[in-house]
PDB file of N, CA and C in Angstrom:
ATOM      1  N   MET A   1      37.653  74.152 115.745  1.00  0.00           N
ATOM      2  CA  MET A   1      39.046  74.526 115.659  1.00  0.00           C
ATOM      3  C   MET A   1      39.347  75.611 116.690  1.00  0.00           C
ATOM      4  N   LYS A   2      40.469  75.452 117.391  1.00  0.00           N
ATOM      5  CA  LYS A   2      40.847  76.419 118.418  1.00  0.00           C
ATOM      6  C   LYS A   2      41.521  77.636 117.790  1.00  0.00           C
ATOM      7  N   THR A   3      41.294  78.764 118.416  1.00  0.00           N
ATOM      8  CA  THR A   3      41.951  79.992 117.997  1.00  0.00           C
ATOM      9  C   THR A   3      43.089  80.272 118.960  1.00  0.00           C
ATOM     10  N   LYS A   4      44.293  80.451 118.417  1.00  0.00           N
ATOM     11  CA  LYS A   4      45.443  80.756 119.265  1.00  0.00           C
ATOM     12  C   LYS A   4      45.276  82.131 119.877  1.00  0.00           C
ATOM     13  N   LYS A   5      45.555  82.211 121.189  1.00  0.00           N
ATOM     14  CA  LYS A   5      45.449  83.490 121.875  1.00  0.00           C
ATOM     15  C   LYS A   5      46.790  84.202 121.944  1.00  0.00           C
ATOM     16  N   PHE A   6      47.868  83.516 121.586  1.00  0.00           N
ATOM     17  CA  PHE A   6      49.181  84.143 121.611  1.00  0.00           C
ATOM     18  C   PHE A   6      50.085  83.470 120.587  1.00  0.00           C
ATOM     19  N   ASP A   7      51.152  84.145 120.244  1.00  0.00           N
ATOM     20  CA  ASP A   7      52.121  83.662 119.270  1.00  0.00           C
ATOM     21  C   ASP A   7      53.416  83.341 120.014  1.00  0.00           C
ATOM     22  N   CYS A   8      53.766  82.070 120.094  1.00  0.00           N
ATOM     23  CA  CYS A   8      54.955  81.642 120.843  1.00  0.00           C
ATOM     24  C   CYS A   8      56.233  82.292 120.316  1.00  0.00           C
ATOM     25  N   VAL A   9      56.374  82.370 119.012  1.00  0.00           N
ATOM     26  CA  VAL A   9      57.590  82.948 118.429  1.00  0.00           C
ATOM     27  C   VAL A   9      57.672  84.433 118.769  1.00  0.00           C
ATOM     28  N   GLU A  10      56.560  85.141 118.670  1.00  0.00           N
ATOM     29  CA  GLU A  10      56.562  86.564 119.019  1.00  0.00           C
ATOM     30  C   GLU A  10      56.862  86.755 120.504  1.00  0.00           C
ATOM     31  N   MET A  11      56.344  85.865 121.349  1.00  0.00           N
ATOM     32  CA  MET A  11      56.626  85.952 122.776  1.00  0.00           C
ATOM     33  C   MET A  11      58.123  85.773 123.037  1.00  0.00           C
ATOM     34  N   LYS A  12      58.761  84.851 122.329  1.00  0.00           N
ATOM     35  CA  LYS A  12      60.202  84.626 122.458  1.00  0.00           C
ATOM     36  C   LYS A  12      60.978  85.848 121.988  1.00  0.00           C
ATOM     37  N   HIS A  13      60.567  86.418 120.867  1.00  0.00           N
ATOM     38  CA  HIS A  13      61.241  87.607 120.338  1.00  0.00           C
ATOM     39  C   HIS A  13      61.094  88.793 121.287  1.00  0.00           C
ATOM     40  N   LYS A  14      59.926  88.945 121.886  1.00  0.00           N
ATOM     41  CA  LYS A  14      59.697  90.041 122.832  1.00  0.00           C
ATOM     42  C   LYS A  14      60.626  89.898 124.038  1.00  0.00           C
ATOM     43  N   GLY A  15      60.766  88.685 124.555  1.00  0.00           N
ATOM     44  CA  GLY A  15      61.677  88.445 125.672  1.00  0.00           C
ATOM     45  C   GLY A  15      63.116  88.724 125.292  1.00  0.00           C
ATOM     46  N   ALA A  16      63.498  88.325 124.089  1.00  0.00           N
ATOM     47  CA  ALA A  16      64.867  88.563 123.622  1.00  0.00           C
ATOM     48  C   ALA A  16      65.145  90.059 123.487  1.00  0.00           C
ATOM     49  N   ARG A  17      64.140  90.819 123.031  1.00  0.00           N
ATOM     50  CA  ARG A  17      64.320  92.274 122.922  1.00  0.00           C
ATOM     51  C   ARG A  17      64.500  92.916 124.295  1.00  0.00           C
ATOM     52  N   LYS A  18      63.775  92.428 125.301  1.00  0.00           N
ATOM     53  CA  LYS A  18      63.917  92.959 126.660  1.00  0.00           C
ATOM     54  C   LYS A  18      65.302  92.665 127.222  1.00  0.00           C
ATOM     55  N   VAL A  19      65.790  91.447 126.998  1.00  0.00           N
ATOM     56  CA  VAL A  19      67.128  91.092 127.483  1.00  0.00           C
ATOM     57  C   VAL A  19      68.176  91.929 126.765  1.00  0.00           C
ATOM     58  N   TYR A  20      68.027  92.093 125.468  1.00  0.00           N
ATOM     59  CA  TYR A  20      68.984  92.895 124.706  1.00  0.00           C
ATOM     60  C   TYR A  20      69.018  94.333 125.227  1.00  0.00           C
ATOM     61  N   ALA A  21      67.843  94.899 125.472  1.00  0.00           N
ATOM     62  CA  ALA A  21      67.778  96.275 125.973  1.00  0.00           C
ATOM     63  C   ALA A  21      68.426  96.391 127.350  1.00  0.00           C
ATOM     64  N   ALA A  22      68.249  95.373 128.182  1.00  0.00           N
ATOM     65  CA  ALA A  22      68.809  95.404 129.536  1.00  0.00           C
ATOM     66  C   ALA A  22      70.318  95.206 129.536  1.00  0.00           C
ATOM     67  N   THR A  23      70.843  94.457 128.567  1.00  0.00           N
ATOM     68  CA  THR A  23      72.271  94.122 128.568  1.00  0.00           C
ATOM     69  C   THR A  23      73.082  94.905 127.544  1.00  0.00           C
ATOM     70  N   ARG A  24      72.432  95.690 126.723  1.00  0.00           N
ATOM     71  CA  ARG A  24      73.129  96.463 125.693  1.00  0.00           C
ATOM     72  C   ARG A  24      74.174  97.370 126.345  1.00  0.00           C
ATOM     73  N   GLY A  25      75.384  97.324 125.855  1.00  0.00           N
ATOM     74  CA  GLY A  25      76.450  98.182 126.360  1.00  0.00           C
ATOM     75  C   GLY A  25      77.163  97.653 127.593  1.00  0.00           C
ATOM     76  N   MET A  26      76.739  96.502 128.105  1.00  0.00           N
ATOM     77  CA  MET A  26      77.393  95.934 129.285  1.00  0.00           C
ATOM     78  C   MET A  26      78.703  95.267 128.898  1.00  0.00           C
ATOM     79  N   THR A  27      79.634  95.273 129.844  1.00  0.00           N
ATOM     80  CA  THR A  27      80.852  94.495 129.653  1.00  0.00           C
ATOM     81  C   THR A  27      80.499  93.033 129.891  1.00  0.00           C
ATOM     82  N   VAL A  28      81.424  92.143 129.564  1.00  0.00           N
ATOM     83  CA  VAL A  28      81.188  90.716 129.787  1.00  0.00           C
ATOM     84  C   VAL A  28      80.945  90.460 131.273  1.00  0.00           C
ATOM     85  N   ASP A  29      81.752  91.074 132.143  1.00  0.00           N
ATOM     86  CA  ASP A  29      81.582  90.883 133.588  1.00  0.00           C
ATOM     87  C   ASP A  29      80.220  91.390 134.069  1.00  0.00           C
ATOM     88  N   GLU A  30      79.775  92.519 133.547  1.00  0.00           N
ATOM     89  CA  GLU A  30      78.463  93.052 133.920  1.00  0.00           C
ATOM     90  C   GLU A  30      77.344  92.129 133.444  1.00  0.00           C
ATOM     91  N   GLU A  31      77.521  91.570 132.249  1.00  0.00           N
ATOM     92  CA  GLU A  31      76.499  90.663 131.728  1.00  0.00           C
ATOM     93  C   GLU A  31      76.439  89.375 132.548  1.00  0.00           C
ATOM     94  N   VAL A  32      77.595  88.868 132.960  1.00  0.00           N
ATOM     95  CA  VAL A  32      77.622  87.679 133.825  1.00  0.00           C
ATOM     96  C   VAL A  32      76.895  87.984 135.132  1.00  0.00           C
ATOM     97  N   MET A  33      77.151  89.160 135.710  1.00  0.00           N
ATOM     98  CA  MET A  33      76.483  89.558 136.945  1.00  0.00           C
ATOM     99  C   MET A  33      74.966  89.663 136.723  1.00  0.00           C
ATOM    100  N   TYR A  34      74.559  90.221 135.595  1.00  0.00           N
ATOM    101  CA  TYR A  34      73.139  90.325 135.254  1.00  0.00           C
ATOM    102  C   TYR A  34      72.488  88.942 135.271  1.00  0.00           C
ATOM    103  N   TRP A  35      73.121  87.969 134.584  1.00  0.00           N
ATOM    104  CA  TRP A  35      72.527  86.639 134.499  1.00  0.00           C
ATOM    105  C   TRP A  35      72.535  85.920 135.836  1.00  0.00           C
ATOM    106  N   ARG A  36      73.535  86.136 136.653  1.00  0.00           N
ATOM    107  CA  ARG A  36      73.547  85.540 137.999  1.00  0.00           C
ATOM    108  C   ARG A  36      72.408  86.103 138.834  1.00  0.00           C
ATOM    109  N   GLN A  37      72.212  87.405 138.768  1.00  0.00           N
ATOM    110  CA  GLN A  37      71.127  88.033 139.525  1.00  0.00           C
ATOM    111  C   GLN A  37      69.765  87.563 139.026  1.00  0.00           C
ATOM    112  N   ARG A  38      69.600  87.500 137.721  1.00  0.00           N
ATOM    113  CA  ARG A  38      68.317  87.040 137.158  1.00  0.00           C
ATOM    114  C   ARG A  38      68.052  85.586 137.525  1.00  0.00           C
ATOM    115  N   THR A  39      69.104  84.748 137.524  1.00  0.00           N
ATOM    116  CA  THR A  39      68.942  83.343 137.904  1.00  0.00           C
ATOM    117  C   THR A  39      68.517  83.235 139.357  1.00  0.00           C
ATOM    118  N   ASN A  40      69.171  84.002 140.231  1.00  0.00           N
ATOM    119  CA  ASN A  40      68.804  83.981 141.647  1.00  0.00           C
ATOM    120  C   ASN A  40      67.372  84.460 141.852  1.00  0.00           C
ATOM    121  N   GLU A  41      66.983  85.485 141.124  1.00  0.00           N
ATOM    122  CA  GLU A  41      65.613  85.988 141.220  1.00  0.00           C
ATOM    123  C   GLU A  41      64.615  84.922 140.764  1.00  0.00           C
ATOM    124  N   ALA A  42      64.914  84.244 139.680  1.00  0.00           N
ATOM    125  CA  ALA A  42      64.021  83.202 139.171  1.00  0.00           C
ATOM    126  C   ALA A  42      63.929  82.036 140.151  1.00  0.00           C
ATOM    127  N   ARG A  43      65.042  81.656 140.749  1.00  0.00           N
ATOM    128  CA  ARG A  43      65.028  80.569 141.738  1.00  0.00           C
ATOM    129  C   ARG A  43      64.180  80.945 142.948  1.00  0.00           C
ATOM    130  N   ARG A  44      64.321  82.192 143.425  1.00  0.00           N
ATOM    131  CA  ARG A  44      63.511  82.662 144.550  1.00  0.00           C
ATOM    132  C   ARG A  44      62.036  82.653 144.175  1.00  0.00           C
ATOM    133  N   TRP A  45      61.753  83.138 142.992  1.00  0.00           N
ATOM    134  CA  TRP A  45      60.384  83.212 142.495  1.00  0.00           C
ATOM    135  C   TRP A  45      59.755  81.815 142.441  1.00  0.00           C
ATOM    136  N   LEU A  46      60.493  80.843 141.935  1.00  0.00           N
ATOM    137  CA  LEU A  46      59.989  79.475 141.845  1.00  0.00           C
ATOM    138  C   LEU A  46      59.854  78.838 143.222  1.00  0.00           C
ATOM    139  N   ALA A  47      60.830  79.057 144.110  1.00  0.00           N
ATOM    140  CA  ALA A  47      60.798  78.468 145.446  1.00  0.00           C
ATOM    141  C   ALA A  47      59.618  79.002 146.258  1.00  0.00           C
ATOM    142  N   GLU A  48      59.280  80.268 146.069  1.00  0.00           N
ATOM    143  CA  GLU A  48      58.179  80.877 146.806  1.00  0.00           C
ATOM    144  C   GLU A  48      56.822  80.542 146.191  1.00  0.00           C
ATOM    145  N   GLY A  49      56.842  79.993 144.993  1.00  0.00           N
ATOM    146  CA  GLY A  49      55.599  79.637 144.327  1.00  0.00           C
ATOM    147  C   GLY A  49      54.750  80.844 143.970  1.00  0.00           C
ATOM    148  N   ILE A  50      55.410  81.923 143.648  1.00  0.00           N
ATOM    149  CA  ILE A  50      54.702  83.156 143.307  1.00  0.00           C
ATOM    150  C   ILE A  50      53.906  82.942 142.023  1.00  0.00           C
ATOM    151  N   GLY A  51      52.650  83.352 142.040  1.00  0.00           N
ATOM    152  CA  GLY A  51      51.791  83.148 140.888  1.00  0.00           C
ATOM    153  C   GLY A  51      52.000  84.139 139.767  1.00  0.00           C
ATOM    154  N   GLY A  52      52.602  85.270 140.068  1.00  0.00           N
ATOM    155  CA  GLY A  52      52.837  86.278 139.039  1.00  0.00           C
ATOM    156  C   GLY A  52      54.083  85.965 138.254  1.00  0.00           C
ATOM    157  N   LYS A  53      54.569  86.947 137.543  1.00  0.00           N
ATOM    158  CA  LYS A  53      55.790  86.750 136.774  1.00  0.00           C
ATOM    159  C   LYS A  53      56.866  87.693 137.294  1.00  0.00           C
ATOM    160  N   PRO A  54      58.131  87.284 137.232  1.00  0.00           N
ATOM    161  CA  PRO A  54      59.203  88.173 137.677  1.00  0.00           C
ATOM    162  C   PRO A  54      59.340  89.343 136.715  1.00  0.00           C
ATOM    163  N   LYS A  55      59.787  90.471 137.235  1.00  0.00           N
ATOM    164  CA  LYS A  55      60.002  91.640 136.389  1.00  0.00           C
ATOM    165  C   LYS A  55      61.299  91.469 135.625  1.00  0.00           C
ATOM    166  N   CYS A  56      61.261  91.631 134.347  1.00  0.00           N
ATOM    167  CA  CYS A  56      62.462  91.505 133.526  1.00  0.00           C
ATOM    168  C   CYS A  56      63.421  92.630 133.863  1.00  0.00           C
ATOM    169  N   GLY A  57      64.627  92.256 134.264  1.00  0.00           N
ATOM    170  CA  GLY A  57      65.653  93.238 134.559  1.00  0.00           C
ATOM    171  C   GLY A  57      65.527  93.889 135.919  1.00  0.00           C
ATOM    172  N   SER A  58      64.605  93.406 136.755  1.00  0.00           N
ATOM    173  CA  SER A  58      64.383  94.064 138.040  1.00  0.00           C
ATOM    174  C   SER A  58      65.547  93.886 139.001  1.00  0.00           C
ATOM    175  N   ALA A  59      66.386  92.878 138.781  1.00  0.00           N
ATOM    176  CA  ALA A  59      67.503  92.629 139.691  1.00  0.00           C
ATOM    177  C   ALA A  59      68.733  93.447 139.334  1.00  0.00           C
ATOM    178  N   VAL A  60      68.692  94.151 138.227  1.00  0.00           N
ATOM    179  CA  VAL A  60      69.873  94.875 137.770  1.00  0.00           C
ATOM    180  C   VAL A  60      69.795  96.332 138.197  1.00  0.00           C
ATOM    181  N   ASN A  61      70.809  96.785 138.885  1.00  0.00           N
ATOM    182  CA  ASN A  61      70.902  98.182 139.301  1.00  0.00           C
ATOM    183  C   ASN A  61      72.247  98.729 138.890  1.00  0.00           C
ATOM    184  N   LEU A  62      72.548  98.706 137.606  1.00  0.00           N
ATOM    185  CA  LEU A  62      73.848  99.175 137.124  1.00  0.00           C
ATOM    186  C   LEU A  62      73.758 100.607 136.690  1.00  0.00           C
TER     187      LEU A  62
END
């Protein structure tokens, strides 16, 4: 029997907490800008084939 090395639900919750912390207190327009920047960062990351992971919230300088 395999032993799970991670908990998918906890990983999802951890990501949601990071997004909440990054967007807490933002206006709707600021949040839209946040998601556009994060999407562009993710697209660049995927296009470059970077083996690491993108930094959560690294594109936001509000």
